[in-house]
Amino acid sequence: MKKVFTVLLMGLLLVNFGGSVFAEEGQLINPEDQRAQKMEQRMERRQIKLDIMKEFVDEIHTTNALKMERNTLRNQVIGKHDILIDLYIAAREADNQDALQEANASREQIKELNNEIGDIQKQINDARNAFRDEVQNGNIAVAQGHINSVIDLLTLQNGKIVGKIELLAHIIEILS
């Protein structure tokens, strides 16, 4: 019995000693090496992201150009609104009801255009978010479809804004 007990104690000591060796072996990894590995992984992810973005450079430039065009069109809309304020005041003071009613009909069309422009903007935001998600997932072909959709929607939106400018010009003619 004493021999069995002694053998069991020796076995436990060996297992305990062996376990501590393995525990120390895991701690032998240098913290500097861990940092270097993490840094390499980050750099690889950044490089992959950069490579993916290189594929969409032309599309990004196109979307930026369309955004600049939209801003120019918005400036024109603001200028037309500024002119309309003076014309509305003059028409009301002159009690020109016919011109005001005709202008209100055109304003209803502008309201419809504004709703369409807002809907298109929501679609643009959804497509842009889908593009970003697909780029992060590495689905280049699907991302290409989304960015092309964004370009088409931006072009459509700019066309609607041009239509709005034409309606505002028509109202200016009516009230002049």
Foldseek 3Di string as FASTA:
>chain_A
DVVVVVVVVVVVVVVVVVVVVVVVVVVVDDVVVVVVVVVVVVVVLVVLLVVLVVVCPVLVVLLVVLVVLLVVLVVLVVVLVVLVVVLVVVCVVVVVVVLVVVLVVLVVVLVVLVVVLVVLVVLLVVLVVVLVVCSSVVPSVVSVVSSVSNSVSSVVSSVSSVVSSVSSVVSSVSSD
